[in-house]
Amino acid sequence: MRPDPSQAATAGFLIVRINGVASGTDGRFRFYYVNEMSGHLAASEYETSAGDRIEWLFAE
């Protein structure tokens, strides 16, 4: 079965470092939440709205 390009999603940009701390350190990675809901798109693809609360977690 071949993938359907119309169903493909972009991976966006990978966040590799925030404040000098690299993702992937000790098996931990960056996760983001918008208004207490986990991001369902790559952070670079998400369009924020006025009043959105963005939170980054560094976890396994």
Protein backbone atom coordinates (compact mmCIF):
# COMPACT_ATOMS: atom_id res chain seq x y z
CA MET A 1 0.00 0.00 0.00
CA ARG A 2 1.40 3.41 -0.96
CA PRO A 3 1.02 6.44 1.33
CA ASP A 4 -1.56 9.00 0.25
CA PRO A 5 0.22 12.39 -0.06
CA SER A 6 -3.06 14.21 0.61
CA GLN A 7 -3.02 12.71 4.13
CA ALA A 8 0.61 13.62 4.87
CA ALA A 9 1.38 16.05 7.67
CA THR A 10 4.47 18.18 7.91
CA ALA A 11 6.89 17.37 10.69
CA GLY A 12 7.82 21.04 11.05
CA PHE A 13 10.99 22.15 12.79
CA LEU A 14 12.56 20.24 15.65
CA ILE A 15 13.24 22.27 18.80
CA VAL A 16 16.81 21.27 19.65
CA ARG A 17 17.74 23.69 22.42
CA ILE A 18 16.04 26.14 24.80
CA ASN A 19 18.11 28.30 27.16
CA GLY A 20 21.20 26.23 26.36
CA VAL A 21 19.62 22.87 27.29
CA ALA A 22 19.53 20.40 24.39
CA SER A 23 16.58 18.10 23.66
CA GLY A 24 17.37 14.39 23.77
CA THR A 25 19.54 14.83 26.88
CA ASP A 26 19.20 11.74 29.10
CA GLY A 27 16.26 10.55 26.99
CA ARG A 28 14.25 13.70 27.67
CA PHE A 29 12.57 15.76 24.96
CA ARG A 30 10.56 18.97 24.58
CA PHE A 31 6.78 18.83 24.64
CA TYR A 32 4.53 21.83 24.32
CA TYR A 33 1.04 22.57 25.57
CA VAL A 34 -1.36 25.30 24.47
CA ASN A 35 -4.00 26.26 27.01
CA GLU A 36 -3.23 23.05 28.96
CA MET A 37 -3.75 20.79 25.90
CA SER A 38 -0.82 18.95 24.31
CA GLY A 39 0.26 20.30 20.95
CA HIS A 40 -1.10 18.19 18.10
CA LEU A 41 1.11 19.78 15.43
CA ALA A 42 4.79 20.55 15.21
CA ALA A 43 5.40 23.72 17.20
CA SER A 44 6.53 25.52 14.05
CA GLU A 45 3.20 24.68 12.38
CA TYR A 46 0.90 25.74 15.23
CA GLU A 47 -0.73 29.16 14.83
CA THR A 48 -1.30 30.84 18.15
CA SER A 49 -4.23 33.09 18.94
CA ALA A 50 -4.37 36.12 21.20
CA GLY A 51 -4.51 34.96 24.81
CA ASP A 52 -3.04 31.48 24.19
CA ARG A 53 -0.89 30.20 27.05
CA ILE A 54 2.13 28.25 25.76
CA GLU A 55 4.01 25.90 28.11
CA TRP A 56 7.11 23.83 27.34
CA LEU A 57 7.94 20.66 29.28
CA PHE A 58 11.25 18.79 29.24
CA ALA A 59 10.38 15.19 30.07
CA GLU A 60 10.79 11.53 29.10
